[in-house]
Structures are given as structure tokens and as C-alpha cells.
Amino acid sequence: MENQTVINKIGIDTLIQEILSGKYPKDILPNSALGFTDEQQAQYFSNLRRNLQSDMAQAVMTNSQSLDDMELLKKIKG
């Protein structure tokens, strides 16, 4: 398990270095929409905030809030 974590970190570090060095080109999306200004921008972020809040509330209500998993992880780590 620990070896996999080390391999993943090495892979991520290598990938980040390759991106920073320019080995992979950055995708640039075409500007297919006009920018938000004033009221449109406020409305967009208001709706986004409301949707995120309702999604988080749904996740909290439907998922278990038990600490059993945390206790199990503590026992595994020893």
C-alpha cells in the first residue's frame, strides 16, 4: 500500500514537471460565449452557490455520519 503511494507521488511529480516544461500543450477553448458582467455574473454565481449548497446538503443527509470508518483506519495504521 505504501509503495503504491510512493509510485503515485512520483508519477504526479513527473507529470507536473512535464506540464510546466511545456512538453504538453495547454488546451485553449474557443470563446463561444460572451463574458458575464454585472447582473448576469451575480445571477450565475448566486445559482451556482445555491446548487452547491443543495448538493452538499443532499450528500450530508444521505451518507452515513458514523465514525466507524475512522476508527477502523486508526486500527489499521496501528
PDB file of N, CA and C in Angstrom:
ATOM      1  N   MET A   1       0.832  -1.190   0.000  1.00  0.00           N
ATOM      2  CA  MET A   1       0.000   0.000   0.000  1.00  0.00           C
ATOM      3  C   MET A   1       0.873   1.250   0.000  1.00  0.00           C
ATOM      4  N   GLU A   2       1.908   1.236   0.842  1.00  0.00           N
ATOM      5  CA  GLU A   2       2.801   2.390   0.927  1.00  0.00           C
ATOM      6  C   GLU A   2       3.582   2.565  -0.362  1.00  0.00           C
ATOM      7  N   ASN A   3       4.019   1.445  -0.967  1.00  0.00           N
ATOM      8  CA  ASN A   3       4.758   1.517  -2.226  1.00  0.00           C
ATOM      9  C   ASN A   3       3.903   2.148  -3.321  1.00  0.00           C
ATOM     10  N   GLN A   4       2.613   1.825  -3.351  1.00  0.00           N
ATOM     11  CA  GLN A   4       1.716   2.395  -4.351  1.00  0.00           C
ATOM     12  C   GLN A   4       1.616   3.904  -4.170  1.00  0.00           C
ATOM     13  N   THR A   5       1.570   4.370  -2.931  1.00  0.00           N
ATOM     14  CA  THR A   5       1.506   5.800  -2.659  1.00  0.00           C
ATOM     15  C   THR A   5       2.766   6.488  -3.165  1.00  0.00           C
ATOM     16  N   VAL A   6       3.929   5.890  -2.936  1.00  0.00           N
ATOM     17  CA  VAL A   6       5.186   6.465  -3.392  1.00  0.00           C
ATOM     18  C   VAL A   6       5.213   6.516  -4.913  1.00  0.00           C
ATOM     19  N   ILE A   7       4.775   5.449  -5.572  1.00  0.00           N
ATOM     20  CA  ILE A   7       4.749   5.410  -7.037  1.00  0.00           C
ATOM     21  C   ILE A   7       3.803   6.488  -7.574  1.00  0.00           C
ATOM     22  N   ASN A   8       2.640   6.640  -6.936  1.00  0.00           N
ATOM     23  CA  ASN A   8       1.689   7.661  -7.365  1.00  0.00           C
ATOM     24  C   ASN A   8       2.278   9.054  -7.234  1.00  0.00           C
ATOM     25  N   LYS A   9       2.983   9.326  -6.130  1.00  0.00           N
ATOM     26  CA  LYS A   9       3.583  10.647  -5.927  1.00  0.00           C
ATOM     27  C   LYS A   9       4.650  10.912  -6.969  1.00  0.00           C
ATOM     28  N   ILE A  10       5.458   9.906  -7.283  1.00  0.00           N
ATOM     29  CA  ILE A  10       6.495  10.078  -8.292  1.00  0.00           C
ATOM     30  C   ILE A  10       5.851  10.367  -9.636  1.00  0.00           C
ATOM     31  N   GLY A  11       4.800   9.637  -9.978  1.00  0.00           N
ATOM     32  CA  GLY A  11       4.096   9.841 -11.237  1.00  0.00           C
ATOM     33  C   GLY A  11       3.486  11.226 -11.338  1.00  0.00           C
ATOM     34  N   ILE A  12       2.889  11.693 -10.259  1.00  0.00           N
ATOM     35  CA  ILE A  12       2.269  13.015 -10.245  1.00  0.00           C
ATOM     36  C   ILE A  12       3.335  14.088 -10.373  1.00  0.00           C
ATOM     37  N   ASP A  13       4.430  13.949  -9.639  1.00  0.00           N
ATOM     38  CA  ASP A  13       5.515  14.932  -9.718  1.00  0.00           C
ATOM     39  C   ASP A  13       6.090  14.997 -11.129  1.00  0.00           C
ATOM     40  N   THR A  14       6.269  13.838 -11.752  1.00  0.00           N
ATOM     41  CA  THR A  14       6.795  13.791 -13.116  1.00  0.00           C
ATOM     42  C   THR A  14       5.835  14.463 -14.087  1.00  0.00           C
ATOM     43  N   LEU A  15       4.563  14.181 -13.943  1.00  0.00           N
ATOM     44  CA  LEU A  15       3.560  14.770 -14.818  1.00  0.00           C
ATOM     45  C   LEU A  15       3.528  16.291 -14.669  1.00  0.00           C
ATOM     46  N   ILE A  16       3.572  16.764 -13.436  1.00  0.00           N
ATOM     47  CA  ILE A  16       3.569  18.211 -13.202  1.00  0.00           C
ATOM     48  C   ILE A  16       4.792  18.858 -13.842  1.00  0.00           C
ATOM     49  N   GLN A  17       5.961  18.239 -13.693  1.00  0.00           N
ATOM     50  CA  GLN A  17       7.177  18.786 -14.307  1.00  0.00           C
ATOM     51  C   GLN A  17       7.076  18.810 -15.828  1.00  0.00           C
ATOM     52  N   GLU A  18       6.492  17.769 -16.423  1.00  0.00           N
ATOM     53  CA  GLU A  18       6.326  17.735 -17.872  1.00  0.00           C
ATOM     54  C   GLU A  18       5.390  18.847 -18.356  1.00  0.00           C
ATOM     55  N   ILE A  19       4.341  19.086 -17.608  1.00  0.00           N
ATOM     56  CA  ILE A  19       3.404  20.148 -17.976  1.00  0.00           C
ATOM     57  C   ILE A  19       4.075  21.513 -17.853  1.00  0.00           C
ATOM     58  N   LEU A  20       4.792  21.732 -16.745  1.00  0.00           N
ATOM     59  CA  LEU A  20       5.459  23.016 -16.540  1.00  0.00           C
ATOM     60  C   LEU A  20       6.548  23.269 -17.576  1.00  0.00           C
ATOM     61  N   SER A  21       7.204  22.224 -18.030  1.00  0.00           N
ATOM     62  CA  SER A  21       8.281  22.390 -19.012  1.00  0.00           C
ATOM     63  C   SER A  21       7.743  22.633 -20.413  1.00  0.00           C
ATOM     64  N   GLY A  22       6.450  22.448 -20.617  1.00  0.00           N
ATOM     65  CA  GLY A  22       5.857  22.694 -21.925  1.00  0.00           C
ATOM     66  C   GLY A  22       5.809  21.469 -22.813  1.00  0.00           C
ATOM     67  N   LYS A  23       6.056  20.307 -22.267  1.00  0.00           N
ATOM     68  CA  LYS A  23       6.022  19.088 -23.066  1.00  0.00           C
ATOM     69  C   LYS A  23       4.616  18.834 -23.618  1.00  0.00           C
ATOM     70  N   TYR A  24       3.615  19.181 -22.825  1.00  0.00           N
ATOM     71  CA  TYR A  24       2.232  19.028 -23.254  1.00  0.00           C
ATOM     72  C   TYR A  24       1.633  20.417 -23.477  1.00  0.00           C
ATOM     73  N   PRO A  25       1.028  20.644 -24.636  1.00  0.00           N
ATOM     74  CA  PRO A  25       0.427  21.963 -24.881  1.00  0.00           C
ATOM     75  C   PRO A  25      -0.846  22.134 -24.063  1.00  0.00           C
ATOM     76  N   LYS A  26      -1.067  23.347 -23.647  1.00  0.00           N
ATOM     77  CA  LYS A  26      -2.269  23.662 -22.881  1.00  0.00           C
ATOM     78  C   LYS A  26      -3.432  23.834 -23.843  1.00  0.00           C
ATOM     79  N   ASP A  27      -4.526  23.142 -23.575  1.00  0.00           N
ATOM     80  CA  ASP A  27      -5.715  23.278 -24.408  1.00  0.00           C
ATOM     81  C   ASP A  27      -6.349  24.637 -24.166  1.00  0.00           C
ATOM     82  N   ILE A  28      -6.659  25.338 -25.221  1.00  0.00           N
ATOM     83  CA  ILE A  28      -7.329  26.625 -25.111  1.00  0.00           C
ATOM     84  C   ILE A  28      -8.677  26.486 -25.803  1.00  0.00           C
ATOM     85  N   LEU A  29      -9.715  26.634 -25.033  1.00  0.00           N
ATOM     86  CA  LEU A  29     -11.054  26.503 -25.581  1.00  0.00           C
ATOM     87  C   LEU A  29     -11.445  27.778 -26.314  1.00  0.00           C
ATOM     88  N   PRO A  30     -12.169  27.648 -27.404  1.00  0.00           N
ATOM     89  CA  PRO A  30     -12.619  28.849 -28.111  1.00  0.00           C
ATOM     90  C   PRO A  30     -13.631  29.611 -27.260  1.00  0.00           C
ATOM     91  N   ASN A  31     -13.624  30.903 -27.399  1.00  0.00           N
ATOM     92  CA  ASN A  31     -14.560  31.718 -26.636  1.00  0.00           C
ATOM     93  C   ASN A  31     -15.910  31.675 -27.331  1.00  0.00           C
ATOM     94  N   SER A  32     -16.741  30.733 -26.916  1.00  0.00           N
ATOM     95  CA  SER A  32     -18.024  30.532 -27.581  1.00  0.00           C
ATOM     96  C   SER A  32     -19.164  31.281 -26.908  1.00  0.00           C
ATOM     97  N   ALA A  33     -18.857  31.960 -25.815  1.00  0.00           N
ATOM     98  CA  ALA A  33     -19.910  32.690 -25.115  1.00  0.00           C
ATOM     99  C   ALA A  33     -19.385  34.056 -24.692  1.00  0.00           C
ATOM    100  N   LEU A  34     -20.281  34.986 -24.597  1.00  0.00           N
ATOM    101  CA  LEU A  34     -19.897  36.310 -24.115  1.00  0.00           C
ATOM    102  C   LEU A  34     -19.629  36.239 -22.623  1.00  0.00           C
ATOM    103  N   GLY A  35     -18.770  37.094 -22.148  1.00  0.00           N
ATOM    104  CA  GLY A  35     -18.461  37.108 -20.723  1.00  0.00           C
ATOM    105  C   GLY A  35     -19.618  37.619 -19.894  1.00  0.00           C
ATOM    106  N   PHE A  36     -19.645  37.212 -18.654  1.00  0.00           N
ATOM    107  CA  PHE A  36     -20.672  37.695 -17.746  1.00  0.00           C
ATOM    108  C   PHE A  36     -20.267  39.063 -17.225  1.00  0.00           C
ATOM    109  N   THR A  37     -21.225  39.936 -17.089  1.00  0.00           N
ATOM    110  CA  THR A  37     -20.958  41.232 -16.477  1.00  0.00           C
ATOM    111  C   THR A  37     -22.109  41.578 -15.549  1.00  0.00           C
ATOM    112  N   ASP A  38     -21.776  42.281 -14.537  1.00  0.00           N
ATOM    113  CA  ASP A  38     -22.742  42.848 -13.600  1.00  0.00           C
ATOM    114  C   ASP A  38     -23.825  41.850 -13.172  1.00  0.00           C
ATOM    115  N   GLU A  39     -25.072  42.102 -13.593  1.00  0.00           N
ATOM    116  CA  GLU A  39     -26.187  41.308 -13.101  1.00  0.00           C
ATOM    117  C   GLU A  39     -26.112  39.847 -13.549  1.00  0.00           C
ATOM    118  N   GLN A  40     -25.664  39.602 -14.791  1.00  0.00           N
ATOM    119  CA  GLN A  40     -25.570  38.223 -15.271  1.00  0.00           C
ATOM    120  C   GLN A  40     -24.568  37.422 -14.441  1.00  0.00           C
ATOM    121  N   GLN A  41     -23.455  38.054 -14.137  1.00  0.00           N
ATOM    122  CA  GLN A  41     -22.433  37.388 -13.336  1.00  0.00           C
ATOM    123  C   GLN A  41     -22.947  37.115 -11.923  1.00  0.00           C
ATOM    124  N   ALA A  42     -23.612  38.083 -11.327  1.00  0.00           N
ATOM    125  CA  ALA A  42     -24.158  37.904  -9.982  1.00  0.00           C
ATOM    126  C   ALA A  42     -25.199  36.788  -9.961  1.00  0.00           C
ATOM    127  N   GLN A  43     -26.046  36.748 -10.989  1.00  0.00           N
ATOM    128  CA  GLN A  43     -27.081  35.712 -11.066  1.00  0.00           C
ATOM    129  C   GLN A  43     -26.457  34.327 -11.229  1.00  0.00           C
ATOM    130  N   TYR A  44     -25.439  34.239 -12.077  1.00  0.00           N
ATOM    131  CA  TYR A  44     -24.753  32.962 -12.317  1.00  0.00           C
ATOM    132  C   TYR A  44     -24.169  32.416 -11.019  1.00  0.00           C
ATOM    133  N   PHE A  45     -23.418  33.251 -10.291  1.00  0.00           N
ATOM    134  CA  PHE A  45     -22.785  32.785  -9.063  1.00  0.00           C
ATOM    135  C   PHE A  45     -23.791  32.545  -7.947  1.00  0.00           C
ATOM    136  N   SER A  46     -24.880  33.270  -7.951  1.00  0.00           N
ATOM    137  CA  SER A  46     -25.936  33.022  -6.976  1.00  0.00           C
ATOM    138  C   SER A  46     -26.542  31.637  -7.198  1.00  0.00           C
ATOM    139  N   ASN A  47     -26.846  31.318  -8.460  1.00  0.00           N
ATOM    140  CA  ASN A  47     -27.384  29.993  -8.779  1.00  0.00           C
ATOM    141  C   ASN A  47     -26.370  28.899  -8.478  1.00  0.00           C
ATOM    142  N   LEU A  48     -25.107  29.145  -8.806  1.00  0.00           N
ATOM    143  CA  LEU A  48     -24.056  28.170  -8.532  1.00  0.00           C
ATOM    144  C   LEU A  48     -23.953  27.892  -7.032  1.00  0.00           C
ATOM    145  N   ARG A  49     -23.959  28.948  -6.232  1.00  0.00           N
ATOM    146  CA  ARG A  49     -23.863  28.799  -4.777  1.00  0.00           C
ATOM    147  C   ARG A  49     -25.056  28.007  -4.239  1.00  0.00           C
ATOM    148  N   ARG A  50     -26.260  28.315  -4.720  1.00  0.00           N
ATOM    149  CA  ARG A  50     -27.460  27.608  -4.261  1.00  0.00           C
ATOM    150  C   ARG A  50     -27.389  26.124  -4.630  1.00  0.00           C
ATOM    151  N   ASN A  51     -26.945  25.831  -5.855  1.00  0.00           N
ATOM    152  CA  ASN A  51     -26.840  24.435  -6.274  1.00  0.00           C
ATOM    153  C   ASN A  51     -25.792  23.675  -5.472  1.00  0.00           C
ATOM    154  N   LEU A  52     -24.668  24.311  -5.202  1.00  0.00           N
ATOM    155  CA  LEU A  52     -23.635  23.652  -4.403  1.00  0.00           C
ATOM    156  C   LEU A  52     -24.120  23.384  -2.989  1.00  0.00           C
ATOM    157  N   GLN A  53     -24.845  24.338  -2.420  1.00  0.00           N
ATOM    158  CA  GLN A  53     -25.374  24.143  -1.071  1.00  0.00           C
ATOM    159  C   GLN A  53     -26.366  22.996  -1.036  1.00  0.00           C
ATOM    160  N   SER A  54     -27.245  22.907  -2.029  1.00  0.00           N
ATOM    161  CA  SER A  54     -28.238  21.837  -2.016  1.00  0.00           C
ATOM    162  C   SER A  54     -27.581  20.483  -2.271  1.00  0.00           C
ATOM    163  N   ASP A  55     -26.551  20.443  -3.133  1.00  0.00           N
ATOM    164  CA  ASP A  55     -25.826  19.190  -3.362  1.00  0.00           C
ATOM    165  C   ASP A  55     -25.129  18.728  -2.095  1.00  0.00           C
ATOM    166  N   MET A  56     -24.504  19.655  -1.373  1.00  0.00           N
ATOM    167  CA  MET A  56     -23.807  19.299  -0.139  1.00  0.00           C
ATOM    168  C   MET A  56     -24.808  18.848   0.921  1.00  0.00           C
ATOM    169  N   ALA A  57     -25.938  19.524   1.016  1.00  0.00           N
ATOM    170  CA  ALA A  57     -26.969  19.121   1.984  1.00  0.00           C
ATOM    171  C   ALA A  57     -27.463  17.714   1.673  1.00  0.00           C
ATOM    172  N   GLN A  58     -27.654  17.419   0.392  1.00  0.00           N
ATOM    173  CA  GLN A  58     -28.099  16.082  -0.014  1.00  0.00           C
ATOM    174  C   GLN A  58     -27.061  15.032   0.376  1.00  0.00           C
ATOM    175  N   ALA A  59     -25.784  15.340   0.148  1.00  0.00           N
ATOM    176  CA  ALA A  59     -24.721  14.394   0.492  1.00  0.00           C
ATOM    177  C   ALA A  59     -24.679  14.139   1.992  1.00  0.00           C
ATOM    178  N   VAL A  60     -24.843  15.185   2.780  1.00  0.00           N
ATOM    179  CA  VAL A  60     -24.811  15.030   4.242  1.00  0.00           C
ATOM    180  C   VAL A  60     -26.003  14.208   4.721  1.00  0.00           C
ATOM    181  N   MET A  61     -27.167  14.452   4.150  1.00  0.00           N
ATOM    182  CA  MET A  61     -28.369  13.746   4.607  1.00  0.00           C
ATOM    183  C   MET A  61     -28.381  12.281   4.189  1.00  0.00           C
ATOM    184  N   THR A  62     -27.801  11.962   3.036  1.00  0.00           N
ATOM    185  CA  THR A  62     -27.904  10.589   2.543  1.00  0.00           C
ATOM    186  C   THR A  62     -26.726   9.711   2.932  1.00  0.00           C
ATOM    187  N   ASN A  63     -25.610  10.290   3.317  1.00  0.00           N
ATOM    188  CA  ASN A  63     -24.441   9.493   3.678  1.00  0.00           C
ATOM    189  C   ASN A  63     -24.373   9.299   5.180  1.00  0.00           C
ATOM    190  N   SER A  64     -23.822   8.190   5.566  1.00  0.00           N
ATOM    191  CA  SER A  64     -23.693   7.879   6.983  1.00  0.00           C
ATOM    192  C   SER A  64     -22.734   8.855   7.642  1.00  0.00           C
ATOM    193  N   GLN A  65     -23.051   9.242   8.833  1.00  0.00           N
ATOM    194  CA  GLN A  65     -22.170  10.130   9.578  1.00  0.00           C
ATOM    195  C   GLN A  65     -21.527   9.374  10.737  1.00  0.00           C
ATOM    196  N   SER A  66     -21.294   8.097  10.511  1.00  0.00           N
ATOM    197  CA  SER A  66     -20.708   7.248  11.527  1.00  0.00           C
ATOM    198  C   SER A  66     -19.194   7.431  11.561  1.00  0.00           C
ATOM    199  N   LEU A  67     -18.622   7.286  12.731  1.00  0.00           N
ATOM    200  CA  LEU A  67     -17.173   7.386  12.882  1.00  0.00           C
ATOM    201  C   LEU A  67     -16.509   6.012  12.849  1.00  0.00           C
ATOM    202  N   ASP A  68     -17.268   4.975  12.501  1.00  0.00           N
ATOM    203  CA  ASP A  68     -16.722   3.620  12.471  1.00  0.00           C
ATOM    204  C   ASP A  68     -15.568   3.499  11.488  1.00  0.00           C
ATOM    205  N   ASP A  69     -15.697   4.118  10.315  1.00  0.00           N
ATOM    206  CA  ASP A  69     -14.633   4.042   9.311  1.00  0.00           C
ATOM    207  C   ASP A  69     -13.348   4.684   9.826  1.00  0.00           C
ATOM    208  N   MET A  70     -13.489   5.811  10.523  1.00  0.00           N
ATOM    209  CA  MET A  70     -12.313   6.480  11.055  1.00  0.00           C
ATOM    210  C   MET A  70     -11.630   5.616  12.121  1.00  0.00           C
ATOM    211  N   GLU A  71     -12.406   4.975  12.944  1.00  0.00           N
ATOM    212  CA  GLU A  71     -11.850   4.103  13.969  1.00  0.00           C
ATOM    213  C   GLU A  71     -11.136   2.910  13.323  1.00  0.00           C
ATOM    214  N   LEU A  72     -11.724   2.358  12.263  1.00  0.00           N
ATOM    215  CA  LEU A  72     -11.119   1.244  11.553  1.00  0.00           C
ATOM    216  C   LEU A  72      -9.788   1.659  10.938  1.00  0.00           C
ATOM    217  N   LEU A  73      -9.738   2.836  10.338  1.00  0.00           N
ATOM    218  CA  LEU A  73      -8.479   3.332   9.771  1.00  0.00           C
ATOM    219  C   LEU A  73      -7.400   3.527  10.834  1.00  0.00           C
ATOM    220  N   LYS A  74      -7.813   4.015  12.002  1.00  0.00           N
ATOM    221  CA  LYS A  74      -6.856   4.172  13.094  1.00  0.00           C
ATOM    222  C   LYS A  74      -6.269   2.820  13.516  1.00  0.00           C
ATOM    223  N   LYS A  75      -7.131   1.780  13.580  1.00  0.00           N
ATOM    224  CA  LYS A  75      -6.660   0.442  13.951  1.00  0.00           C
ATOM    225  C   LYS A  75      -5.723  -0.134  12.887  1.00  0.00           C
ATOM    226  N   ILE A  76      -6.025   0.106  11.621  1.00  0.00           N
ATOM    227  CA  ILE A  76      -5.187  -0.407  10.542  1.00  0.00           C
ATOM    228  C   ILE A  76      -3.818   0.250  10.573  1.00  0.00           C
ATOM    229  N   LYS A  77      -3.791   1.574  10.783  1.00  0.00           N
ATOM    230  CA  LYS A  77      -2.494   2.271  10.839  1.00  0.00           C
ATOM    231  C   LYS A  77      -1.687   1.840  12.040  1.00  0.00           C
ATOM    232  N   GLY A  78      -2.364   1.393  13.046  1.00  0.00           N
ATOM    233  CA  GLY A  78      -1.696   0.832  14.213  1.00  0.00           C
ATOM    234  C   GLY A  78      -1.203   1.847  15.140  1.00  0.00           C
TER     235      GLY A  78
END
